[in-house]
Protein backbone atom coordinates (compact mmCIF):
# COMPACT_ATOMS: atom_id res chain seq x y z
CA MET A 1 12.83 -26.30 -13.58
CA GLY A 2 16.14 -26.84 -11.77
CA SER A 3 18.19 -26.43 -14.95
CA SER A 4 16.31 -23.30 -15.99
CA VAL A 5 16.88 -21.78 -12.53
CA ARG A 6 20.59 -22.54 -12.81
CA GLU A 7 20.66 -20.98 -16.26
CA LEU A 8 18.84 -17.85 -15.09
CA ALA A 9 21.06 -17.52 -12.03
CA GLY A 10 24.17 -18.05 -14.11
CA ALA A 11 23.08 -15.44 -16.65
CA THR A 12 22.54 -12.73 -14.01
CA PRO A 13 24.24 -9.50 -15.12
CA ALA A 14 26.93 -8.17 -12.81
CA THR A 15 25.00 -4.90 -12.59
CA ARG A 16 21.81 -6.50 -11.21
CA ASP A 17 20.86 -5.51 -7.66
CA ARG A 18 20.34 -8.97 -6.20
CA TYR A 19 19.34 -7.58 -2.82
CA VAL A 20 16.14 -6.17 -4.31
CA ASP A 21 15.15 -9.67 -5.46
CA LEU A 22 15.82 -11.02 -1.97
CA LEU A 23 13.67 -8.28 -0.40
CA ARG A 24 10.80 -9.03 -2.77
CA VAL A 25 10.78 -12.73 -1.87
CA ALA A 26 11.41 -12.20 1.84
CA SER A 27 8.61 -9.64 2.22
CA LEU A 28 6.02 -11.89 0.57
CA GLY A 29 7.29 -14.86 2.57
CA ALA A 30 6.92 -12.93 5.83
CA VAL A 31 3.32 -12.04 4.95
CA VAL A 32 2.50 -15.68 4.20
CA LEU A 33 4.05 -16.87 7.46
CA GLY A 34 2.24 -14.14 9.39
CA HIS A 35 -1.13 -15.16 7.96
CA TRP A 36 -0.54 -18.80 8.79
CA LEU A 37 0.49 -17.99 12.35
CA MET A 38 -2.35 -15.53 13.03
CA ALA A 39 -5.14 -17.92 12.04
CA ALA A 40 -6.87 -19.29 15.12
CA VAL A 41 -9.27 -21.91 13.75
CA THR A 42 -11.51 -24.02 15.99
CA PRO A 43 -14.60 -26.12 15.22
CA ASP A 44 -16.62 -23.04 16.24
CA GLY A 45 -15.06 -20.57 13.81
CA VAL A 46 -12.01 -18.60 12.75
CA GLY A 47 -10.32 -16.03 14.98
CA ASN A 48 -7.12 -14.02 15.15
CA LEU A 49 -4.29 -15.12 17.42
CA LEU A 50 -3.32 -11.48 18.01
CA ALA A 51 -6.78 -10.82 19.45
CA VAL A 52 -6.54 -13.91 21.64
CA VAL A 53 -3.07 -12.94 22.90
CA PRO A 54 -2.71 -9.13 22.59
CA ALA A 55 0.81 -9.37 24.03
CA LEU A 56 1.90 -10.79 20.65
CA GLN A 57 0.88 -7.66 18.73
CA PRO A 58 4.40 -6.12 18.84
CA LEU A 59 5.42 -8.95 16.49
CA THR A 60 3.50 -7.14 13.75
CA TRP A 61 6.28 -4.53 13.80
CA LEU A 62 8.47 -7.25 12.29
CA LEU A 63 5.96 -9.29 10.26
CA GLN A 64 4.07 -6.38 8.66
CA VAL A 65 6.55 -5.96 5.82
CA MET A 66 4.31 -4.87 2.95
CA PRO A 67 6.04 -1.45 3.02
CA VAL A 68 9.24 -3.23 1.97
CA PHE A 69 7.51 -4.81 -1.01
CA PHE A 70 6.11 -1.46 -2.16
CA PHE A 71 9.53 0.15 -1.65
CA VAL A 72 11.09 -2.52 -3.87
CA GLY A 73 8.28 -1.93 -6.37
CA GLY A 74 9.23 1.75 -6.66
CA PHE A 75 12.84 0.81 -7.37
CA SER A 76 11.86 -1.70 -10.07
CA HIS A 77 9.25 0.55 -11.68
CA ALA A 78 11.73 3.40 -12.01
CA LEU A 79 14.29 1.19 -13.75
CA SER A 80 11.69 -0.41 -16.03
CA TYR A 81 10.05 2.84 -17.14
CA ARG A 82 13.37 4.57 -17.80
CA SER A 83 14.55 1.59 -19.83
CA LEU A 84 11.45 1.79 -22.05
CA LEU A 85 11.87 5.55 -22.45
CA ARG A 86 15.41 5.04 -23.75
CA LYS A 87 14.08 2.63 -26.40
CA ARG A 88 11.05 4.65 -27.52
CA PRO A 89 10.73 6.35 -30.88
CA GLU A 90 10.69 10.13 -30.56
CA GLY A 91 7.35 11.50 -29.36
CA SER A 92 5.75 8.16 -28.37
CA GLU A 93 5.47 8.44 -24.59
CA ASP A 94 1.82 7.40 -24.86
CA SER A 95 2.93 4.08 -26.34
CA VAL A 96 5.65 3.70 -23.73
CA TYR A 97 3.08 4.08 -20.95
CA SER A 98 0.83 1.30 -22.29
CA ALA A 99 3.82 -0.97 -22.93
CA PHE A 100 5.10 -0.24 -19.42
CA LEU A 101 1.73 -1.13 -17.88
CA ARG A 102 1.48 -4.38 -19.79
CA ALA A 103 5.07 -5.38 -19.03
CA ARG A 104 4.80 -4.63 -15.30
CA LEU A 105 1.37 -6.21 -14.91
CA GLN A 106 2.03 -9.45 -16.81
CA ARG A 107 3.42 -11.46 -13.91
CA LEU A 108 1.05 -9.78 -11.47
CA LEU A 109 -2.29 -10.14 -13.22
CA ARG A 110 -1.94 -13.38 -15.19
CA PRO A 111 -1.73 -15.55 -12.03
CA THR A 112 -4.34 -13.32 -10.38
CA MET A 113 -6.81 -13.86 -13.22
CA VAL A 114 -6.37 -17.63 -12.91
CA PHE A 115 -6.89 -17.44 -9.15
CA VAL A 116 -10.08 -15.37 -9.58
CA LEU A 117 -11.51 -17.68 -12.27
CA VAL A 118 -10.72 -20.91 -10.42
CA TRP A 119 -12.14 -19.67 -7.12
CA GLY A 120 -15.10 -18.04 -8.85
CA ALA A 121 -16.02 -21.32 -10.53
CA ALA A 122 -15.53 -23.27 -7.28
CA ALA A 123 -17.66 -20.80 -5.32
CA LEU A 124 -20.43 -20.93 -7.91
CA LEU A 125 -20.47 -24.73 -7.82
CA VAL A 126 -20.48 -24.85 -4.01
CA GLN A 127 -23.37 -22.42 -3.74
CA LEU A 128 -25.40 -24.04 -6.52
CA LEU A 129 -25.13 -27.26 -4.52
CA GLY A 130 -26.41 -25.49 -1.42
CA GLY A 131 -23.08 -25.24 0.41
CA GLY A 132 -21.29 -22.22 1.77
CA GLY A 133 -21.72 -22.61 5.52
CA GLY A 134 -19.19 -23.18 8.29
CA LEU A 135 -15.49 -23.19 7.38
CA THR A 136 -16.36 -23.32 3.67
CA GLY A 137 -18.22 -20.04 3.93
CA VAL A 138 -15.37 -18.43 5.86
CA THR A 139 -12.91 -19.65 3.23
CA LEU A 140 -14.99 -18.24 0.37
CA ARG A 141 -15.05 -14.90 2.15
CA MET A 142 -11.43 -14.73 3.24
CA VAL A 143 -9.32 -16.22 0.43
CA THR A 144 -9.69 -13.01 -1.58
CA GLN A 145 -8.62 -10.64 1.21
CA PRO A 146 -4.91 -10.53 0.20
CA LEU A 147 -6.00 -9.14 -3.18
CA TRP A 148 -6.07 -5.65 -1.60
CA PHE A 149 -2.28 -5.66 -1.97
CA ILE A 150 -2.55 -6.29 -5.71
CA GLY A 151 -5.04 -3.45 -6.07
CA ILE A 152 -2.69 -1.00 -4.33
CA TYR A 153 0.23 -2.25 -6.41
CA LEU A 154 -1.77 -1.66 -9.58
CA ALA A 155 -2.22 1.98 -8.56
CA MET A 156 1.52 2.30 -7.98
CA VAL A 157 2.28 1.00 -11.46
CA ALA A 158 -0.33 3.27 -13.03
CA PHE A 159 1.00 6.40 -11.28
CA THR A 160 4.69 5.65 -11.82
CA PRO A 161 5.29 8.02 -14.80
CA PRO A 162 3.93 11.24 -13.22
CA LEU A 163 5.38 10.43 -9.79
CA LEU A 164 8.75 9.61 -11.35
CA ARG A 165 8.73 13.01 -13.06
CA LEU A 166 7.99 14.63 -9.68
CA HIS A 167 10.87 12.70 -8.17
CA GLU A 168 13.27 13.75 -10.92
CA ARG A 169 12.33 17.38 -10.34
CA TYR A 170 12.05 17.54 -6.55
CA GLY A 171 13.84 14.44 -5.20
CA TRP A 172 13.25 14.11 -1.47
CA GLY A 173 10.75 16.96 -1.76
CA ALA A 174 8.34 14.74 -3.71
CA PHE A 175 8.45 12.16 -0.92
CA ALA A 176 8.00 14.90 1.68
CA GLY A 177 4.95 16.20 -0.18
CA LEU A 178 3.23 12.79 -0.10
CA ALA A 179 4.19 12.23 3.54
CA GLY A 180 2.90 15.71 4.40
CA ALA A 181 -0.39 14.93 2.67
CA ALA A 182 -0.67 11.78 4.83
CA VAL A 183 -0.09 13.90 7.94
CA ALA A 184 -2.79 16.36 6.82
CA VAL A 185 -5.28 13.55 6.27
CA ASP A 186 -4.78 12.17 9.78
CA VAL A 187 -5.02 15.65 11.30
CA LEU A 188 -8.34 16.19 9.51
CA ARG A 189 -9.49 12.71 10.53
CA PHE A 190 -8.52 12.62 14.19
CA VAL A 191 -8.34 16.28 15.19
CA ALA A 192 -10.95 18.00 13.04
CA GLY A 193 -13.26 14.98 12.77
CA VAL A 194 -13.69 15.37 9.00
CA PRO A 195 -15.42 12.24 7.62
CA TYR A 196 -14.30 10.14 4.65
CA VAL A 197 -10.87 11.79 4.19
CA ALA A 198 -9.17 8.77 5.80
CA PHE A 199 -9.40 6.78 2.56
CA LEU A 200 -7.07 9.25 0.84
CA ASN A 201 -4.24 7.68 2.80
CA PHE A 202 -4.56 4.51 0.78
CA ALA A 203 -2.83 6.67 -1.83
CA PHE A 204 -0.65 9.03 0.19
CA VAL A 205 0.88 6.50 2.61
CA TRP A 206 1.64 3.74 0.12
CA LEU A 207 2.77 6.10 -2.64
CA ALA A 208 5.13 7.81 -0.19
CA VAL A 209 6.78 4.45 0.53
CA HIS A 210 6.83 3.75 -3.22
CA GLN A 211 8.59 7.10 -3.73
CA LEU A 212 11.41 5.93 -1.49
CA GLY A 213 12.06 3.22 -4.09
CA PHE A 214 12.70 5.95 -6.68
CA LEU A 215 15.23 7.52 -4.33
CA ARG A 216 16.97 4.18 -3.90
CA ALA A 217 17.08 3.69 -7.67
CA ASP A 218 19.05 6.95 -7.89
CA GLY A 219 21.40 5.95 -5.07
CA ARG A 220 20.05 8.58 -2.71
CA ILE A 221 19.51 6.34 0.35
CA ARG A 222 23.01 5.82 1.67
CA LEU A 223 24.00 4.54 5.09
CA ARG A 224 23.54 7.83 6.91
CA ARG A 225 20.07 8.44 5.49
CA ALA A 226 19.14 4.80 6.00
CA ALA A 227 20.07 5.16 9.68
CA LEU A 228 17.99 8.36 9.92
CA LEU A 229 15.01 6.61 8.32
CA ALA A 230 15.31 3.60 10.62
CA GLY A 231 15.82 5.55 13.82
CA GLY A 232 13.45 8.40 13.04
CA GLY A 233 10.72 6.08 11.76
CA LEU A 234 10.94 3.82 14.81
CA ILE A 235 10.85 6.76 17.23
CA ALA A 236 7.94 8.36 15.37
CA ALA A 237 5.93 5.11 15.18
CA THR A 238 6.51 4.44 18.89
CA ALA A 239 5.46 7.97 19.86
CA LEU A 240 2.36 7.92 17.64
CA VAL A 241 1.20 4.61 19.13
CA ALA A 242 2.05 5.64 22.71
CA PHE A 243 0.51 9.11 22.64
CA GLY A 244 -1.79 9.20 19.63
CA PRO A 245 -5.02 7.50 18.60
CA TYR A 246 -3.21 4.65 16.84
CA PRO A 247 -3.37 0.98 17.88
CA LEU A 248 -0.29 -1.10 18.65
CA SER A 249 -0.91 -3.68 15.90
CA MET A 250 0.37 -2.82 12.43
CA VAL A 251 -2.15 -5.21 10.90
CA GLY A 252 -5.93 -5.02 11.07
CA MET A 253 -7.62 -6.46 14.13
CA PRO A 254 -11.23 -7.68 14.39
CA GLY A 255 -13.59 -5.16 15.94
CA GLU A 256 -11.07 -2.34 16.36
CA LYS A 257 -12.34 1.24 15.99
CA VAL A 258 -9.11 2.45 14.40
CA SER A 259 -6.93 0.30 12.15
CA ASN A 260 -3.41 1.18 11.07
CA MET A 261 -4.04 -0.71 7.83
CA ALA A 262 -7.53 0.04 6.54
CA PRO A 263 -7.13 2.84 5.78
CA PRO A 264 -3.39 3.32 6.38
CA THR A 265 -2.37 5.79 9.06
CA LEU A 266 0.57 8.04 9.80
CA ALA A 267 1.75 5.38 12.27
CA LEU A 268 1.94 2.83 9.45
CA LEU A 269 3.93 5.30 7.33
CA ALA A 270 6.40 5.76 10.21
CA HIS A 271 6.56 1.97 10.52
CA GLY A 272 7.34 1.77 6.80
CA LEU A 273 10.14 4.31 7.16
CA TRP A 274 11.91 2.36 9.88
CA LEU A 275 11.58 -0.88 7.91
CA VAL A 276 13.01 0.69 4.75
CA GLY A 277 15.89 2.17 6.74
CA ALA A 278 16.54 -1.14 8.48
CA VAL A 279 16.68 -3.22 5.28
CA GLU A 280 18.98 -0.65 3.68
CA LEU A 281 21.36 -0.91 6.63
CA LEU A 282 21.54 -4.65 5.96
CA ARG A 283 22.25 -4.25 2.25
CA ALA A 284 26.04 -4.75 2.28
CA PRO A 285 26.19 -8.02 4.28
CA ALA A 286 23.20 -9.40 2.38
CA ALA A 287 24.84 -8.56 -0.96
CA ARG A 288 27.91 -10.56 0.05
CA LEU A 289 25.70 -13.52 0.97
CA LEU A 290 23.91 -13.33 -2.38
CA GLU A 291 27.20 -13.75 -4.23
CA ARG A 292 27.12 -17.41 -3.21
CA PRO A 293 25.72 -19.41 -6.17
CA ARG A 294 23.48 -21.67 -4.10
CA VAL A 295 21.93 -18.77 -2.19
CA TRP A 296 21.32 -16.80 -5.38
CA ARG A 297 19.74 -19.81 -7.13
CA THR A 298 17.35 -20.16 -4.20
CA VAL A 299 16.32 -16.51 -4.52
CA VAL A 300 15.87 -16.84 -8.30
CA ALA A 301 13.71 -19.95 -7.88
CA ALA A 302 11.58 -18.31 -5.20
CA ASN A 303 11.09 -15.16 -7.27
CA GLY A 304 9.75 -17.25 -10.11
CA VAL A 305 6.80 -18.50 -8.05
CA ALA A 306 6.41 -15.86 -5.32
CA MET A 307 3.19 -14.31 -6.61
CA THR A 308 1.55 -17.70 -7.17
CA ALA A 309 2.45 -18.80 -3.65
CA PHE A 310 1.10 -15.54 -2.23
CA LEU A 311 -2.22 -15.90 -4.05
CA TRP A 312 -2.80 -19.50 -2.99
CA HIS A 313 -1.35 -19.60 0.53
CA LEU A 314 -4.69 -18.95 2.27
CA THR A 315 -6.32 -21.62 0.10
CA ALA A 316 -3.68 -24.05 1.38
CA MET A 317 -4.15 -22.95 4.98
CA PHE A 318 -7.93 -23.40 4.94
CA GLY A 319 -7.47 -26.67 3.06
CA VAL A 320 -5.29 -27.97 5.90
CA TYR A 321 -7.79 -26.92 8.57
CA GLY A 322 -10.65 -28.40 6.55
CA ALA A 323 -8.84 -31.71 6.27
CA LEU A 324 -8.06 -31.77 9.99
CA LEU A 325 -11.72 -31.12 10.85
CA THR A 326 -12.89 -33.76 8.37
CA LEU A 327 -10.53 -36.31 9.92
CA ASP A 328 -11.74 -35.36 13.42
CA VAL A 329 -8.28 -34.22 14.46
CA ASP A 330 -8.52 -32.21 17.66
CA LEU A 331 -7.97 -28.47 17.16
CA PRO A 332 -6.83 -27.17 20.55
CA GLU A 333 -7.84 -23.87 22.08
CA PRO A 334 -5.81 -21.11 20.37
CA ALA A 335 -2.64 -20.09 22.24
CA SER A 336 -2.85 -23.11 24.57
CA ALA A 337 0.21 -25.33 25.02
CA ALA A 338 -1.35 -28.00 22.80
CA TRP A 339 -2.09 -25.37 20.14
CA TRP A 340 1.53 -24.19 20.08
CA ALA A 341 2.74 -27.79 19.94
CA GLN A 342 0.61 -28.33 16.82
CA VAL A 343 1.95 -25.23 15.03
CA PRO A 344 4.95 -26.94 13.31
CA LEU A 345 2.66 -29.64 11.87
CA ARG A 346 0.12 -27.11 10.58
CA LEU A 347 2.85 -24.96 9.03
CA ALA A 348 4.48 -27.95 7.37
CA LEU A 349 1.16 -29.14 5.92
CA ALA A 350 0.27 -25.63 4.71
CA ALA A 351 3.69 -25.28 3.08
CA ALA A 352 3.34 -28.67 1.37
CA LEU A 353 -0.13 -27.87 0.03
CA THR A 354 1.04 -24.42 -1.13
CA ALA A 355 3.91 -26.11 -2.97
CA ALA A 356 1.42 -28.43 -4.70
CA LEU A 357 -0.74 -25.46 -5.74
CA VAL A 358 2.35 -23.62 -6.99
CA ALA A 359 3.29 -26.66 -9.08
CA ALA A 360 -0.21 -26.63 -10.60
CA PHE A 361 -0.40 -22.90 -11.37
CA ARG A 362 3.17 -21.58 -11.63
CA THR A 363 3.14 -21.64 -15.43
CA PHE A 364 0.87 -18.58 -15.40
CA GLU A 365 3.52 -16.56 -13.60
CA ARG A 366 6.05 -17.01 -16.36
CA PRO A 367 6.39 -13.81 -18.38
CA ALA A 368 4.78 -13.84 -21.82
CA ALA A 369 6.70 -12.97 -24.94
CA SER A 370 7.56 -9.28 -24.96
CA ALA A 371 5.48 -7.07 -27.22
CA PRO A 372 6.82 -4.22 -29.35
CA VAL A 373 7.01 -0.83 -27.66
CA GLN A 374 3.71 0.49 -28.93
CA GLY A 375 0.21 0.90 -27.59
CA HIS A 376 -2.65 3.15 -26.62
CA GLY A 377 -2.11 5.01 -23.33
CA PRO A 378 -5.71 6.05 -22.47
CA LEU A 379 -6.97 2.53 -23.09
CA ALA A 380 -4.22 1.12 -20.87
CA ALA A 381 -5.08 3.61 -18.11
CA LEU A 382 -8.76 2.67 -18.29
CA GLY A 383 -7.88 -1.01 -18.10
CA ALA A 384 -5.61 -0.50 -15.10
CA THR A 385 -8.34 1.49 -13.33
CA LEU A 386 -10.93 -1.24 -13.90
CA CYS A 387 -8.49 -3.89 -12.66
CA LEU A 388 -7.72 -1.83 -9.58
CA LEU A 389 -11.40 -1.33 -8.69
CA GLY A 390 -12.29 -4.94 -9.46
CA VAL A 391 -9.48 -6.45 -7.41
CA LEU A 392 -10.09 -4.13 -4.45
CA GLY A 393 -13.82 -4.84 -4.60
CA LEU A 394 -13.23 -8.58 -4.66
CA SER A 395 -10.85 -8.37 -1.71
CA MET A 396 -13.66 -6.75 0.30
CA VAL A 397 -16.71 -8.77 -0.73
CA GLY A 398 -15.19 -12.24 -1.24
CA PHE A 399 -16.94 -15.12 -3.00
CA ASN A 400 -19.38 -16.09 -0.26
CA GLY A 401 -22.86 -14.91 -1.16
CA LEU A 402 -22.00 -14.99 -4.86
CA LEU A 403 -25.61 -15.81 -5.76
CA ASP A 404 -27.23 -13.74 -2.99
CA GLY A 405 -26.31 -10.27 -4.26
CA ARG A 406 -23.99 -9.59 -1.33
CA THR A 407 -22.07 -6.32 -1.71
CA ALA A 408 -19.30 -4.36 -0.02
CA LEU A 409 -18.70 -0.62 -0.10
CA LEU A 410 -15.84 0.42 -2.35
CA ILE A 411 -15.34 4.20 -2.09
CA ALA A 412 -19.05 4.58 -1.16
CA ILE A 413 -20.18 2.38 -4.10
CA PRO A 414 -21.70 -1.08 -3.42
CA VAL A 415 -19.80 -3.74 -5.35
CA SER A 416 -20.85 -7.38 -5.71
CA ALA A 417 -18.53 -10.30 -6.45
CA PRO A 418 -19.80 -10.79 -10.05
CA ALA A 419 -19.30 -7.08 -10.77
CA ALA A 420 -15.81 -7.15 -9.25
CA VAL A 421 -14.84 -10.18 -11.35
CA ALA A 422 -16.21 -8.54 -14.51
CA MET A 423 -14.24 -5.33 -13.85
CA THR A 424 -11.04 -7.26 -13.15
CA LEU A 425 -11.23 -9.40 -16.28
CA GLY A 426 -12.41 -6.51 -18.47
CA GLY A 427 -9.59 -4.30 -17.24
CA TRP A 428 -7.00 -6.98 -17.89
CA LEU A 429 -8.23 -7.45 -21.46
CA LEU A 430 -8.00 -3.69 -22.05
CA VAL A 431 -4.43 -3.56 -20.73
CA GLU A 432 -3.49 -6.48 -22.98
CA ARG A 433 -5.15 -4.88 -26.01
CA ALA A 434 -3.57 -1.49 -25.37
CA GLY A 435 -0.12 -3.00 -24.87
CA ARG A 436 -0.33 -4.61 -28.31
CA GLY A 437 -1.18 -1.29 -29.90
CA THR A 438 -4.80 -2.14 -30.83
CA PRO A 439 -7.18 0.50 -29.40
């Protein structure tokens, strides 16, 4: 792998925006580290460190960096779709759409499908043998939770062509329209008390951040605007939390009446704006750092396994805690001095186990051979929709209770784990079929 990384790094075109690759890896890495640090596991159960020590919640304003990943996604999707459009035969935008979906979803869904199948088989075996209690049950329920991010990302890919056309026509106005829709949703939710509208912000908030990536792709976020985004977003987020109905934490907290994450709120959008502005202000010094061959090789290597590491990092974390409990290693009271002293060991073990899982499954993250630019757009759209619903459903219901008919509400529809798995796999097969031009 070392030689291939050196070859890839050495073959990097001079025109490539290396900073985008760094942001992609750094944002996923921050999420992984945040999850490992927030877990407060004891022999009695699993808690959240931020609930144990509320004074630590301001740290989520640094560690909640998913907006950066979605911002980077918008940048990459714009470049990818425009590249395919330049290559298309005249009048074949339908084919370009299906080829775009397949190309963008390859490295996202192939490792996800493996993760779902491996964990599905393991959960089935555990429950057939009568297991599923204690930490095992918690693991089966929680390892799928990060899949929500993949579901949202799927929607971003699927909506890229129409939103890119809006961007090309209206520029900042398209972003303002989505942000304004997010404001309207929260006004209806918190002021008018209208039920159910809150879930619309899963689209409006994240797609607004995604739209900023289009603006960056066109060079329309320069230093002055980056400073306005950073300063304005930080002031707005602070004011909304201080004077509005929004909680301090930018990640979900157990038992809270209002979450900034599920569904996303205007406060989370403001948080995303300041993060995007902040990372853009750091672009120039980071670009100089990335010119160093060793630094760039590290980023290239990390990008090649980032999605696999993200998918399996909770598996590694629960594996470490399970081993410690099995070996009767004392798990101190969360946030105690002994607990903090044990943090480096737990992080090192989780990182080592994640690395082992990456070594086992990284081959599925390698891009498949590119297909001709052809396809069947409606079939691709149907497949992406099924994948989106299946992945979101699985993130909510988990694998615990696989044989008991347990369900979770997905947009007011009960979804079980078997149904979610079937939708995910069926959708992926449709995207693959459409991308090869076989409706």
